[in-house]
Amino acid sequence: MQTNNNLLNVLTREGVLINVSVRYWRAAKKLQPQDLGLDPDEVTDRLISLGHKRLVPEDALAAFALIESRAHALVEAATFPFLNGIARFLPNRKLSEVTMMLETLEQEFKAEQQRFELRYADLRKEALLEWLAHARKLTADPERIVASVSAAYPTLDKLDTKFDFTSSLFQLSLPETLDAELVNATDRHELMLAREQAAREARHKISEGVDSFVGDCVASLREQTATLCGEMLESFKSGKSRVHQRTLNRLTDFIDNFKSLNFANDSELEEQLNKVREAYLGTAAADYRDNAHAQARMRQGISKLGDTARELATADTREIVASFGRLGNRRFTLAA
């Protein structure tokens, strides 16, 4: 347990936990049988599904969906899932970059929210007219459907509560105890005992998971390296020119990103990546296309890197984890 606690202490200095939540009005209404003048008891879900219907055109919310996907993609690319995904671990060397990009996305989100709110009344009016036209084809009482749909639109003063972009950072730590609130004397003793037990269980669960977490992060970066090498080799086989600069740039960018994510100091893979960069990525794609010998050497080098990374991904990572845990006296790693 003590070894795992030391490992967690180092991990705490090497990064933070991050959670990003993007929420916006989904503009969907689930039709009910009574909306169509049907008896709910006579409608079977096995045969009829009224489903969710849009309250505004899909493109009216497309910008929010794009910002949401970009935010989650950004976080996933720069972090590791921590303890079965309860949060994402963000290494300090990526902290400044990620938080700045999230701030930019948040500003875009708020600007789009303002634009949407300015258009909201017109969007609602136009959509209800479309609903009326459609409802006339579904039932003899189209006003019933339109009234139900209309009630599903939030009022303009409530619309703001449907939108939110939040990014939160948390510091990793083991709970020593959980303070009791001010409660009556009869309950205080029992409450303190329950909270101390919860704190002990939380410390045990977190400590036990840290070792595998660090090892999983190392293996994940190794697997990503092998996958990228395989994709590059496939790319070289297709197309007329076969070697494209953007394909070489993918590996260059990956190596840069690897250095930022390699908080556990996987020196073996980093050394292999640096050798490939030095040997092959300083040459332009056009030069490779004009030099069959150099192209063959480059492909061989990337193939060897992929094989090495694939082999490392299945190797025992305990020595790396142990070495990481011995960094107890190392200074706090500043964000790049």
C-alpha atoms as a PDB file:
ATOM      1  CA  MET A   1       0.000   0.000   0.000  1.00  0.00           C
ATOM      2  CA  GLN A   2       2.829   2.391   0.871  1.00  0.00           C
ATOM      3  CA  THR A   3       4.433   1.861  -2.568  1.00  0.00           C
ATOM      4  CA  ASN A   4       1.148   2.665  -4.286  1.00  0.00           C
ATOM      5  CA  ASN A   5       0.699   5.752  -2.125  1.00  0.00           C
ATOM      6  CA  ASN A   6       4.147   6.977  -3.196  1.00  0.00           C
ATOM      7  CA  LEU A   7       3.177   6.317  -6.810  1.00  0.00           C
ATOM      8  CA  LEU A   8       0.013   8.358  -6.388  1.00  0.00           C
ATOM      9  CA  ASN A   9       2.003  11.208  -4.843  1.00  0.00           C
ATOM     10  CA  VAL A  10       4.227  11.354  -7.919  1.00  0.00           C
ATOM     11  CA  LEU A  11       1.222  11.058 -10.220  1.00  0.00           C
ATOM     12  CA  THR A  12      -0.376  13.990  -8.385  1.00  0.00           C
ATOM     13  CA  ARG A  13       2.622  16.185  -9.218  1.00  0.00           C
ATOM     14  CA  GLU A  14       2.682  15.038 -12.852  1.00  0.00           C
ATOM     15  CA  GLY A  15      -0.856  16.001 -13.788  1.00  0.00           C
ATOM     16  CA  VAL A  16      -4.453  16.737 -12.881  1.00  0.00           C
ATOM     17  CA  LEU A  17      -7.858  15.218 -13.505  1.00  0.00           C
ATOM     18  CA  ILE A  18     -10.062  17.021 -16.010  1.00  0.00           C
ATOM     19  CA  ASN A  19     -13.735  16.815 -16.831  1.00  0.00           C
ATOM     20  CA  VAL A  20     -15.441  18.671 -19.675  1.00  0.00           C
ATOM     21  CA  SER A  21     -19.209  18.989 -19.953  1.00  0.00           C
ATOM     22  CA  VAL A  22     -20.942  20.495 -22.989  1.00  0.00           C
ATOM     23  CA  ARG A  23     -24.692  20.855 -22.700  1.00  0.00           C
ATOM     24  CA  TYR A  24     -27.130  22.405 -25.145  1.00  0.00           C
ATOM     25  CA  TRP A  25     -30.837  22.197 -25.933  1.00  0.00           C
ATOM     26  CA  ARG A  26     -31.359  19.088 -28.047  1.00  0.00           C
ATOM     27  CA  ALA A  27     -34.667  20.387 -29.452  1.00  0.00           C
ATOM     28  CA  ALA A  28     -36.419  17.031 -29.481  1.00  0.00           C
ATOM     29  CA  LYS A  29     -39.993  16.129 -28.619  1.00  0.00           C
ATOM     30  CA  LYS A  30     -41.241  12.577 -28.068  1.00  0.00           C
ATOM     31  CA  LEU A  31     -44.683  12.279 -29.547  1.00  0.00           C
ATOM     32  CA  GLN A  32     -47.293  10.602 -27.363  1.00  0.00           C
ATOM     33  CA  PRO A  33     -50.249   8.574 -28.690  1.00  0.00           C
ATOM     34  CA  GLN A  34     -52.677  11.176 -27.366  1.00  0.00           C
ATOM     35  CA  ASP A  35     -50.933  13.805 -29.497  1.00  0.00           C
ATOM     36  CA  LEU A  36     -52.339  11.955 -32.502  1.00  0.00           C
ATOM     37  CA  GLY A  37     -55.713  11.374 -30.896  1.00  0.00           C
ATOM     38  CA  LEU A  38     -54.914   7.722 -30.207  1.00  0.00           C
ATOM     39  CA  ASP A  39     -55.778   5.737 -27.101  1.00  0.00           C
ATOM     40  CA  PRO A  40     -52.456   4.993 -25.323  1.00  0.00           C
ATOM     41  CA  ASP A  41     -53.830   1.631 -24.185  1.00  0.00           C
ATOM     42  CA  GLU A  42     -54.393   0.602 -27.785  1.00  0.00           C
ATOM     43  CA  VAL A  43     -50.885   1.496 -28.998  1.00  0.00           C
ATOM     44  CA  THR A  44     -48.256  -1.227 -28.613  1.00  0.00           C
ATOM     45  CA  ASP A  45     -44.577  -0.308 -28.574  1.00  0.00           C
ATOM     46  CA  ARG A  46     -43.830  -3.574 -30.345  1.00  0.00           C
ATOM     47  CA  LEU A  47     -45.548  -2.328 -33.495  1.00  0.00           C
ATOM     48  CA  ILE A  48     -45.603   1.466 -33.298  1.00  0.00           C
ATOM     49  CA  SER A  49     -42.769   3.801 -32.381  1.00  0.00           C
ATOM     50  CA  LEU A  50     -43.685   7.487 -32.478  1.00  0.00           C
ATOM     51  CA  GLY A  51     -40.119   8.412 -31.571  1.00  0.00           C
ATOM     52  CA  HIS A  52     -38.452  11.767 -31.008  1.00  0.00           C
ATOM     53  CA  LYS A  53     -39.121  14.533 -33.490  1.00  0.00           C
ATOM     54  CA  ARG A  54     -37.077  17.665 -34.063  1.00  0.00           C
ATOM     55  CA  LEU A  55     -38.360  20.999 -32.835  1.00  0.00           C
ATOM     56  CA  VAL A  56     -35.953  23.046 -34.988  1.00  0.00           C
ATOM     57  CA  PRO A  57     -34.004  22.147 -38.139  1.00  0.00           C
ATOM     58  CA  GLU A  58     -30.925  20.020 -37.492  1.00  0.00           C
ATOM     59  CA  ASP A  59     -28.582  22.615 -38.971  1.00  0.00           C
ATOM     60  CA  ALA A  60     -29.721  25.170 -36.371  1.00  0.00           C
ATOM     61  CA  LEU A  61     -27.841  23.191 -33.710  1.00  0.00           C
ATOM     62  CA  ALA A  62     -25.036  21.828 -35.888  1.00  0.00           C
ATOM     63  CA  ALA A  63     -22.494  24.339 -34.545  1.00  0.00           C
ATOM     64  CA  PHE A  64     -23.102  23.184 -30.960  1.00  0.00           C
ATOM     65  CA  ALA A  65     -22.680  19.540 -31.950  1.00  0.00           C
ATOM     66  CA  LEU A  66     -19.409  20.388 -33.688  1.00  0.00           C
ATOM     67  CA  ILE A  67     -18.043  22.303 -30.689  1.00  0.00           C
ATOM     68  CA  GLU A  68     -19.036  19.437 -28.388  1.00  0.00           C
ATOM     69  CA  SER A  69     -17.269  16.853 -30.545  1.00  0.00           C
ATOM     70  CA  ARG A  70     -14.161  19.042 -30.849  1.00  0.00           C
ATOM     71  CA  ALA A  71     -14.002  19.539 -27.067  1.00  0.00           C
ATOM     72  CA  HIS A  72     -14.291  15.835 -26.312  1.00  0.00           C
ATOM     73  CA  ALA A  73     -11.825  14.915 -29.081  1.00  0.00           C
ATOM     74  CA  LEU A  74      -9.331  17.450 -27.710  1.00  0.00           C
ATOM     75  CA  VAL A  75      -9.543  16.035 -24.196  1.00  0.00           C
ATOM     76  CA  GLU A  76      -9.411  12.411 -25.300  1.00  0.00           C
ATOM     77  CA  ALA A  77      -6.328  13.043 -27.444  1.00  0.00           C
ATOM     78  CA  ALA A  78      -4.432  14.722 -24.584  1.00  0.00           C
ATOM     79  CA  THR A  79      -5.469  12.577 -21.626  1.00  0.00           C
ATOM     80  CA  PHE A  80      -5.753   9.043 -20.282  1.00  0.00           C
ATOM     81  CA  PRO A  81      -8.903   7.513 -18.741  1.00  0.00           C
ATOM     82  CA  PHE A  82      -8.381   7.334 -14.980  1.00  0.00           C
ATOM     83  CA  LEU A  83      -9.786   4.462 -12.886  1.00  0.00           C
ATOM     84  CA  ASN A  84     -12.227   3.060 -15.437  1.00  0.00           C
ATOM     85  CA  GLY A  85     -13.050   6.474 -16.833  1.00  0.00           C
ATOM     86  CA  ILE A  86     -14.320   8.304 -13.731  1.00  0.00           C
ATOM     87  CA  ALA A  87     -12.224  11.220 -15.034  1.00  0.00           C
ATOM     88  CA  ARG A  88      -9.383  11.902 -17.477  1.00  0.00           C
ATOM     89  CA  PHE A  89      -5.758  12.328 -16.390  1.00  0.00           C
ATOM     90  CA  LEU A  90      -4.120  15.350 -18.039  1.00  0.00           C
ATOM     91  CA  PRO A  91      -0.285  15.515 -17.851  1.00  0.00           C
ATOM     92  CA  ASN A  92       1.069  18.891 -16.785  1.00  0.00           C
ATOM     93  CA  ARG A  93       2.986  19.280 -20.026  1.00  0.00           C
ATOM     94  CA  LYS A  94      -0.338  19.352 -21.899  1.00  0.00           C
ATOM     95  CA  LEU A  95      -2.174  21.476 -19.331  1.00  0.00           C
ATOM     96  CA  SER A  96      -1.531  24.930 -20.795  1.00  0.00           C
ATOM     97  CA  GLU A  97      -2.247  23.847 -24.367  1.00  0.00           C
ATOM     98  CA  VAL A  98      -5.479  22.039 -23.508  1.00  0.00           C
ATOM     99  CA  THR A  99      -6.896  24.704 -21.212  1.00  0.00           C
ATOM    100  CA  MET A 100      -6.199  27.452 -23.758  1.00  0.00           C
ATOM    101  CA  MET A 101      -7.921  25.482 -26.518  1.00  0.00           C
ATOM    102  CA  LEU A 102     -10.874  24.729 -24.243  1.00  0.00           C
ATOM    103  CA  GLU A 103     -11.193  28.422 -23.428  1.00  0.00           C
ATOM    104  CA  THR A 104     -11.333  29.164 -27.159  1.00  0.00           C
ATOM    105  CA  LEU A 105     -14.025  26.525 -27.665  1.00  0.00           C
ATOM    106  CA  GLU A 106     -15.984  27.914 -24.719  1.00  0.00           C
ATOM    107  CA  GLN A 107     -15.907  31.383 -26.282  1.00  0.00           C
ATOM    108  CA  GLU A 108     -17.119  29.923 -29.587  1.00  0.00           C
ATOM    109  CA  PHE A 109     -19.879  28.101 -27.722  1.00  0.00           C
ATOM    110  CA  LYS A 110     -21.084  31.264 -25.973  1.00  0.00           C
ATOM    111  CA  ALA A 111     -20.986  33.261 -29.208  1.00  0.00           C
ATOM    112  CA  GLU A 112     -23.040  30.582 -30.965  1.00  0.00           C
ATOM    113  CA  GLN A 113     -25.466  30.545 -28.043  1.00  0.00           C
ATOM    114  CA  GLN A 114     -26.033  34.284 -28.424  1.00  0.00           C
ATOM    115  CA  ARG A 115     -26.650  33.873 -32.157  1.00  0.00           C
ATOM    116  CA  PHE A 116     -29.084  31.047 -31.522  1.00  0.00           C
ATOM    117  CA  GLU A 117     -31.020  33.007 -28.919  1.00  0.00           C
ATOM    118  CA  LEU A 118     -31.389  35.915 -31.342  1.00  0.00           C
ATOM    119  CA  ARG A 119     -32.838  33.529 -33.937  1.00  0.00           C
ATOM    120  CA  TYR A 120     -34.896  31.491 -31.496  1.00  0.00           C
ATOM    121  CA  ALA A 121     -38.244  33.230 -31.906  1.00  0.00           C
ATOM    122  CA  ASP A 122     -38.101  33.006 -35.702  1.00  0.00           C
ATOM    123  CA  LEU A 123     -36.912  29.385 -35.610  1.00  0.00           C
ATOM    124  CA  ARG A 124     -39.787  28.468 -33.319  1.00  0.00           C
ATOM    125  CA  LYS A 125     -42.355  30.251 -35.469  1.00  0.00           C
ATOM    126  CA  GLU A 126     -41.110  28.644 -38.694  1.00  0.00           C
ATOM    127  CA  ALA A 127     -40.888  25.194 -37.116  1.00  0.00           C
ATOM    128  CA  LEU A 128     -44.445  25.343 -35.756  1.00  0.00           C
ATOM    129  CA  LEU A 129     -45.739  26.256 -39.209  1.00  0.00           C
ATOM    130  CA  GLU A 130     -43.970  23.198 -40.594  1.00  0.00           C
ATOM    131  CA  TRP A 131     -45.378  21.089 -37.781  1.00  0.00           C
ATOM    132  CA  LEU A 132     -48.891  22.308 -38.585  1.00  0.00           C
ATOM    133  CA  ALA A 133     -48.520  21.397 -42.235  1.00  0.00           C
ATOM    134  CA  HIS A 134     -47.199  17.959 -41.322  1.00  0.00           C
ATOM    135  CA  ALA A 135     -49.787  17.370 -38.602  1.00  0.00           C
ATOM    136  CA  ARG A 136     -52.609  17.906 -41.077  1.00  0.00           C
ATOM    137  CA  LYS A 137     -51.390  14.781 -42.870  1.00  0.00           C
ATOM    138  CA  LEU A 138     -51.339  12.723 -39.670  1.00  0.00           C
ATOM    139  CA  THR A 139     -54.583  13.476 -37.884  1.00  0.00           C
ATOM    140  CA  ALA A 140     -57.951  15.167 -38.167  1.00  0.00           C
ATOM    141  CA  ASP A 141     -57.009  17.330 -35.196  1.00  0.00           C
ATOM    142  CA  PRO A 142     -53.636  18.898 -36.162  1.00  0.00           C
ATOM    143  CA  GLU A 143     -54.017  21.647 -33.538  1.00  0.00           C
ATOM    144  CA  ARG A 144     -53.656  18.995 -30.841  1.00  0.00           C
ATOM    145  CA  ILE A 145     -50.178  18.042 -32.117  1.00  0.00           C
ATOM    146  CA  VAL A 146     -49.096  21.636 -32.586  1.00  0.00           C
ATOM    147  CA  ALA A 147     -50.209  22.553 -29.064  1.00  0.00           C
ATOM    148  CA  SER A 148     -48.238  19.647 -27.612  1.00  0.00           C
ATOM    149  CA  VAL A 149     -45.154  20.517 -29.648  1.00  0.00           C
ATOM    150  CA  SER A 150     -45.428  24.213 -28.812  1.00  0.00           C
ATOM    151  CA  ALA A 151     -45.399  23.395 -25.083  1.00  0.00           C
ATOM    152  CA  ALA A 152     -42.064  21.609 -25.545  1.00  0.00           C
ATOM    153  CA  TYR A 153     -40.255  24.832 -26.459  1.00  0.00           C
ATOM    154  CA  PRO A 154     -38.657  26.569 -23.457  1.00  0.00           C
ATOM    155  CA  THR A 155     -39.494  30.214 -23.004  1.00  0.00           C
ATOM    156  CA  LEU A 156     -36.756  32.633 -24.016  1.00  0.00           C
ATOM    157  CA  ASP A 157     -35.991  33.522 -20.390  1.00  0.00           C
ATOM    158  CA  LYS A 158     -35.461  29.796 -19.614  1.00  0.00           C
ATOM    159  CA  LEU A 159     -33.471  29.024 -22.746  1.00  0.00           C
ATOM    160  CA  ASP A 160     -30.174  30.098 -21.180  1.00  0.00           C
ATOM    161  CA  THR A 161     -30.393  27.269 -18.629  1.00  0.00           C
ATOM    162  CA  LYS A 162     -30.298  24.712 -21.456  1.00  0.00           C
ATOM    163  CA  PHE A 163     -26.744  25.678 -22.479  1.00  0.00           C
ATOM    164  CA  ASP A 164     -23.495  25.211 -20.617  1.00  0.00           C
ATOM    165  CA  PHE A 165     -19.816  24.670 -21.381  1.00  0.00           C
ATOM    166  CA  THR A 166     -17.796  23.723 -18.305  1.00  0.00           C
ATOM    167  CA  SER A 167     -14.250  22.426 -17.927  1.00  0.00           C
ATOM    168  CA  SER A 168     -13.147  21.460 -14.423  1.00  0.00           C
ATOM    169  CA  LEU A 169      -9.724  20.512 -13.090  1.00  0.00           C
ATOM    170  CA  PHE A 170      -9.234  18.383  -9.992  1.00  0.00           C
ATOM    171  CA  GLN A 171      -6.142  17.613  -7.961  1.00  0.00           C
ATOM    172  CA  LEU A 172      -5.482  13.960  -7.227  1.00  0.00           C
ATOM    173  CA  SER A 173      -5.271  13.145  -3.544  1.00  0.00           C
ATOM    174  CA  LEU A 174      -6.101  10.397  -1.101  1.00  0.00           C
ATOM    175  CA  PRO A 175      -8.792  11.236   1.448  1.00  0.00           C
ATOM    176  CA  GLU A 176      -7.494  11.117   5.000  1.00  0.00           C
ATOM    177  CA  THR A 177     -10.893  11.623   6.563  1.00  0.00           C
ATOM    178  CA  LEU A 178     -14.221  13.175   5.681  1.00  0.00           C
ATOM    179  CA  ASP A 179     -15.337  15.941   8.001  1.00  0.00           C
ATOM    180  CA  ALA A 180     -18.783  15.655   9.502  1.00  0.00           C
ATOM    181  CA  GLU A 181     -21.224  18.500   9.101  1.00  0.00           C
ATOM    182  CA  LEU A 182     -22.809  20.080  12.108  1.00  0.00           C
ATOM    183  CA  VAL A 183     -25.334  17.510  13.208  1.00  0.00           C
ATOM    184  CA  ASN A 184     -26.900  16.689  16.513  1.00  0.00           C
ATOM    185  CA  ALA A 185     -24.777  14.934  19.097  1.00  0.00           C
ATOM    186  CA  THR A 186     -26.687  11.660  18.780  1.00  0.00           C
ATOM    187  CA  ASP A 187     -25.832  11.280  15.084  1.00  0.00           C
ATOM    188  CA  ARG A 188     -22.303  12.741  15.108  1.00  0.00           C
ATOM    189  CA  HIS A 189     -20.430   9.677  16.348  1.00  0.00           C
ATOM    190  CA  GLU A 190     -22.150   7.304  13.921  1.00  0.00           C
ATOM    191  CA  LEU A 191     -21.642   9.728  11.044  1.00  0.00           C
ATOM    192  CA  MET A 192     -17.923  10.128  11.772  1.00  0.00           C
ATOM    193  CA  LEU A 193     -17.437   6.369  11.873  1.00  0.00           C
ATOM    194  CA  ALA A 194     -19.241   5.963   8.550  1.00  0.00           C
ATOM    195  CA  ARG A 195     -17.180   8.696   6.906  1.00  0.00           C
ATOM    196  CA  GLU A 196     -13.893   7.314   8.202  1.00  0.00           C
ATOM    197  CA  GLN A 197     -14.818   3.915   6.793  1.00  0.00           C
ATOM    198  CA  ALA A 198     -15.701   5.516   3.436  1.00  0.00           C
ATOM    199  CA  ALA A 199     -12.354   7.345   3.413  1.00  0.00           C
ATOM    200  CA  ARG A 200     -10.444   4.113   4.102  1.00  0.00           C
ATOM    201  CA  GLU A 201     -12.262   2.318   1.297  1.00  0.00           C
ATOM    202  CA  ALA A 202     -11.620   5.202  -1.109  1.00  0.00           C
ATOM    203  CA  ARG A 203      -7.894   5.267  -0.253  1.00  0.00           C
ATOM    204  CA  HIS A 204      -7.658   1.530  -0.832  1.00  0.00           C
ATOM    205  CA  LYS A 205      -9.519   1.632  -4.154  1.00  0.00           C
ATOM    206  CA  ILE A 206      -7.498   4.541  -5.548  1.00  0.00           C
ATOM    207  CA  SER A 207      -4.158   3.174  -4.367  1.00  0.00           C
ATOM    208  CA  GLU A 208      -4.830  -0.243  -5.867  1.00  0.00           C
ATOM    209  CA  GLY A 209      -5.763   1.303  -9.221  1.00  0.00           C
ATOM    210  CA  VAL A 210      -2.783   3.645  -9.618  1.00  0.00           C
ATOM    211  CA  ASP A 211      -0.252   0.954 -10.488  1.00  0.00           C
ATOM    212  CA  SER A 212      -2.323  -0.452 -13.358  1.00  0.00           C
ATOM    213  CA  PHE A 213      -3.243   3.059 -14.514  1.00  0.00           C
ATOM    214  CA  VAL A 214       0.371   4.098 -15.113  1.00  0.00           C
ATOM    215  CA  GLY A 215       1.123   0.801 -16.854  1.00  0.00           C
ATOM    216  CA  ASP A 216      -1.991   1.149 -19.031  1.00  0.00           C
ATOM    217  CA  CYS A 217      -0.929   4.670 -20.087  1.00  0.00           C
ATOM    218  CA  VAL A 218       2.483   3.381 -21.194  1.00  0.00           C
ATOM    219  CA  ALA A 219       0.902   0.500 -23.118  1.00  0.00           C
ATOM    220  CA  SER A 220      -1.638   2.832 -24.736  1.00  0.00           C
ATOM    221  CA  LEU A 221       1.036   5.121 -26.200  1.00  0.00           C
ATOM    222  CA  ARG A 222       2.943   2.100 -27.474  1.00  0.00           C
ATOM    223  CA  GLU A 223      -0.191   0.729 -29.146  1.00  0.00           C
ATOM    224  CA  GLN A 224      -0.893   4.106 -30.732  1.00  0.00           C
ATOM    225  CA  THR A 225       2.644   4.136 -32.140  1.00  0.00           C
ATOM    226  CA  ALA A 226       2.229   0.689 -33.676  1.00  0.00           C
ATOM    227  CA  THR A 227      -1.159   1.617 -35.147  1.00  0.00           C
ATOM    228  CA  LEU A 228       0.168   4.809 -36.722  1.00  0.00           C
ATOM    229  CA  CYS A 229       3.128   2.977 -38.278  1.00  0.00           C
ATOM    230  CA  GLY A 230       0.759   0.429 -39.783  1.00  0.00           C
ATOM    231  CA  GLU A 231      -1.470   3.152 -41.213  1.00  0.00           C
ATOM    232  CA  MET A 232       1.520   4.956 -42.716  1.00  0.00           C
ATOM    233  CA  LEU A 233       2.812   1.818 -44.407  1.00  0.00           C
ATOM    234  CA  GLU A 234      -0.636   1.188 -45.889  1.00  0.00           C
ATOM    235  CA  SER A 235      -0.749   4.777 -47.115  1.00  0.00           C
ATOM    236  CA  PHE A 236       2.595   4.363 -48.876  1.00  0.00           C
ATOM    237  CA  LYS A 237       1.143   1.447 -50.846  1.00  0.00           C
ATOM    238  CA  SER A 238      -1.727   3.470 -52.306  1.00  0.00           C
ATOM    239  CA  GLY A 239      -1.876   6.488 -54.580  1.00  0.00           C
ATOM    240  CA  LYS A 240       0.237   7.515 -57.525  1.00  0.00           C
ATOM    241  CA  SER A 241       3.012   9.288 -55.650  1.00  0.00           C
ATOM    242  CA  ARG A 242       2.751   6.907 -52.651  1.00  0.00           C
ATOM    243  CA  VAL A 243       4.678   9.158 -50.237  1.00  0.00           C
ATOM    244  CA  HIS A 244       2.812  12.273 -49.121  1.00  0.00           C
ATOM    245  CA  GLN A 245       4.146  15.019 -46.876  1.00  0.00           C
ATOM    246  CA  ARG A 246       1.023  14.967 -44.746  1.00  0.00           C
ATOM    247  CA  THR A 247       1.676  11.286 -43.980  1.00  0.00           C
ATOM    248  CA  LEU A 248       5.205  12.066 -42.796  1.00  0.00           C
ATOM    249  CA  ASN A 249       3.862  15.034 -40.830  1.00  0.00           C
ATOM    250  CA  ARG A 250       1.478  12.724 -38.972  1.00  0.00           C
ATOM    251  CA  LEU A 251       4.438  10.907 -37.448  1.00  0.00           C
ATOM    252  CA  THR A 252       6.257  14.170 -36.684  1.00  0.00           C
ATOM    253  CA  ASP A 253       3.180  15.516 -34.893  1.00  0.00           C
ATOM    254  CA  PHE A 254       2.724  12.221 -33.079  1.00  0.00           C
ATOM    255  CA  ILE A 255       6.295  12.321 -31.757  1.00  0.00           C
ATOM    256  CA  ASP A 256       5.797  15.876 -30.488  1.00  0.00           C
ATOM    257  CA  ASN A 257       2.558  14.862 -28.798  1.00  0.00           C
ATOM    258  CA  PHE A 258       4.163  11.726 -27.369  1.00  0.00           C
ATOM    259  CA  LYS A 259       6.756  13.833 -25.552  1.00  0.00           C
ATOM    260  CA  SER A 260       3.955  15.799 -23.892  1.00  0.00           C
ATOM    261  CA  LEU A 261       1.986  12.697 -22.916  1.00  0.00           C
ATOM    262  CA  ASN A 262       4.958  10.593 -21.791  1.00  0.00           C
ATOM    263  CA  PHE A 263       4.643  11.551 -18.123  1.00  0.00           C
ATOM    264  CA  ALA A 264       5.729   8.051 -17.035  1.00  0.00           C
ATOM    265  CA  ASN A 265       9.029   8.479 -18.913  1.00  0.00           C
ATOM    266  CA  ASP A 266       8.942   5.562 -21.340  1.00  0.00           C
ATOM    267  CA  SER A 267      12.520   6.232 -22.405  1.00  0.00           C
ATOM    268  CA  GLU A 268      12.801   3.105 -24.556  1.00  0.00           C
ATOM    269  CA  LEU A 269      10.015   4.065 -26.962  1.00  0.00           C
ATOM    270  CA  GLU A 270      10.950   7.742 -26.889  1.00  0.00           C
ATOM    271  CA  GLU A 271      14.479   6.822 -27.965  1.00  0.00           C
ATOM    272  CA  GLN A 272      13.103   4.776 -30.879  1.00  0.00           C
ATOM    273  CA  LEU A 273      10.849   7.640 -31.963  1.00  0.00           C
ATOM    274  CA  ASN A 274      13.725  10.125 -31.841  1.00  0.00           C
ATOM    275  CA  LYS A 275      15.870   7.839 -33.996  1.00  0.00           C
ATOM    276  CA  VAL A 276      13.142   7.601 -36.634  1.00  0.00           C
ATOM    277  CA  ARG A 277      12.656  11.361 -36.624  1.00  0.00           C
ATOM    278  CA  GLU A 278      16.364  12.009 -37.037  1.00  0.00           C
ATOM    279  CA  ALA A 279      16.860   9.360 -39.707  1.00  0.00           C
ATOM    280  CA  TYR A 280      13.767   9.779 -41.889  1.00  0.00           C
ATOM    281  CA  LEU A 281      11.560  12.779 -41.100  1.00  0.00           C
ATOM    282  CA  GLY A 282      14.056  15.457 -42.097  1.00  0.00           C
ATOM    283  CA  THR A 283      13.660  14.447 -45.743  1.00  0.00           C
ATOM    284  CA  ALA A 284      10.780  15.886 -47.759  1.00  0.00           C
ATOM    285  CA  ALA A 285       8.205  13.571 -49.349  1.00  0.00           C
ATOM    286  CA  ALA A 286       9.151  14.804 -52.835  1.00  0.00           C
ATOM    287  CA  ASP A 287      12.761  13.697 -52.264  1.00  0.00           C
ATOM    288  CA  TYR A 288      11.592  10.255 -51.223  1.00  0.00           C
ATOM    289  CA  ARG A 289       9.502   9.918 -54.376  1.00  0.00           C
ATOM    290  CA  ASP A 290      12.586  10.602 -56.478  1.00  0.00           C
ATOM    291  CA  ASN A 291      14.816   8.211 -54.538  1.00  0.00           C
ATOM    292  CA  ALA A 292      13.654   4.611 -54.435  1.00  0.00           C
ATOM    293  CA  HIS A 293      16.530   3.555 -52.169  1.00  0.00           C
ATOM    294  CA  ALA A 294      15.797   6.247 -49.563  1.00  0.00           C
ATOM    295  CA  GLN A 295      12.086   5.433 -49.749  1.00  0.00           C
ATOM    296  CA  ALA A 296      12.770   1.747 -49.110  1.00  0.00           C
ATOM    297  CA  ARG A 297      14.983   2.598 -46.099  1.00  0.00           C
ATOM    298  CA  MET A 298      12.317   4.905 -44.690  1.00  0.00           C
ATOM    299  CA  ARG A 299       9.614   2.251 -45.015  1.00  0.00           C
ATOM    300  CA  GLN A 300      11.874  -0.293 -43.394  1.00  0.00           C
ATOM    301  CA  GLY A 301      12.584   2.088 -40.516  1.00  0.00           C
ATOM    302  CA  ILE A 302       8.901   2.782 -39.900  1.00  0.00           C
ATOM    303  CA  SER A 303       8.093  -0.924 -40.165  1.00  0.00           C
ATOM    304  CA  LYS A 304      10.761  -1.676 -37.568  1.00  0.00           C
ATOM    305  CA  LEU A 305       9.396   1.063 -35.290  1.00  0.00           C
ATOM    306  CA  GLY A 306       5.910  -0.431 -35.581  1.00  0.00           C
ATOM    307  CA  ASP A 307       7.190  -3.914 -34.754  1.00  0.00           C
ATOM    308  CA  THR A 308       9.121  -2.604 -31.763  1.00  0.00           C
ATOM    309  CA  ALA A 309       6.159  -0.614 -30.471  1.00  0.00           C
ATOM    310  CA  ARG A 310       3.862  -3.609 -30.918  1.00  0.00           C
ATOM    311  CA  GLU A 311       6.265  -5.812 -28.981  1.00  0.00           C
ATOM    312  CA  LEU A 312       6.657  -3.214 -26.239  1.00  0.00           C
ATOM    313  CA  ALA A 313       2.870  -2.850 -25.943  1.00  0.00           C
ATOM    314  CA  THR A 314       2.647  -6.435 -24.698  1.00  0.00           C
ATOM    315  CA  ALA A 315       5.776  -6.246 -22.529  1.00  0.00           C
ATOM    316  CA  ASP A 316       5.857  -5.991 -18.745  1.00  0.00           C
ATOM    317  CA  THR A 317       5.705  -2.336 -17.659  1.00  0.00           C
ATOM    318  CA  ARG A 318       6.437  -2.890 -13.974  1.00  0.00           C
ATOM    319  CA  GLU A 319       9.969  -1.487 -14.194  1.00  0.00           C
ATOM    320  CA  ILE A 320       8.707   1.745 -15.778  1.00  0.00           C
ATOM    321  CA  VAL A 321       5.987   2.020 -13.127  1.00  0.00           C
ATOM    322  CA  ALA A 322       8.515   1.386 -10.351  1.00  0.00           C
ATOM    323  CA  SER A 323      10.922   3.934 -11.807  1.00  0.00           C
ATOM    324  CA  PHE A 324       8.103   6.472 -12.027  1.00  0.00           C
ATOM    325  CA  GLY A 325       7.258   5.848  -8.386  1.00  0.00           C
ATOM    326  CA  ARG A 326      10.850   6.550  -7.348  1.00  0.00           C
ATOM    327  CA  LEU A 327      10.591  10.145  -8.516  1.00  0.00           C
ATOM    328  CA  GLY A 328       9.407  11.192  -5.090  1.00  0.00           C
ATOM    329  CA  ASN A 329      11.932  14.013  -4.751  1.00  0.00           C
ATOM    330  CA  ARG A 330      11.511  15.309  -8.275  1.00  0.00           C
ATOM    331  CA  ARG A 331      10.313  18.849  -8.701  1.00  0.00           C
ATOM    332  CA  PHE A 332       6.801  19.589  -9.863  1.00  0.00           C
ATOM    333  CA  THR A 333       6.714  19.315 -13.654  1.00  0.00           C
ATOM    334  CA  LEU A 334       5.673  22.682 -15.056  1.00  0.00           C
ATOM    335  CA  ALA A 335       3.263  22.813 -17.968  1.00  0.00           C
ATOM    336  CA  ALA A 336       5.076  23.452 -21.228  1.00  0.00           C
END
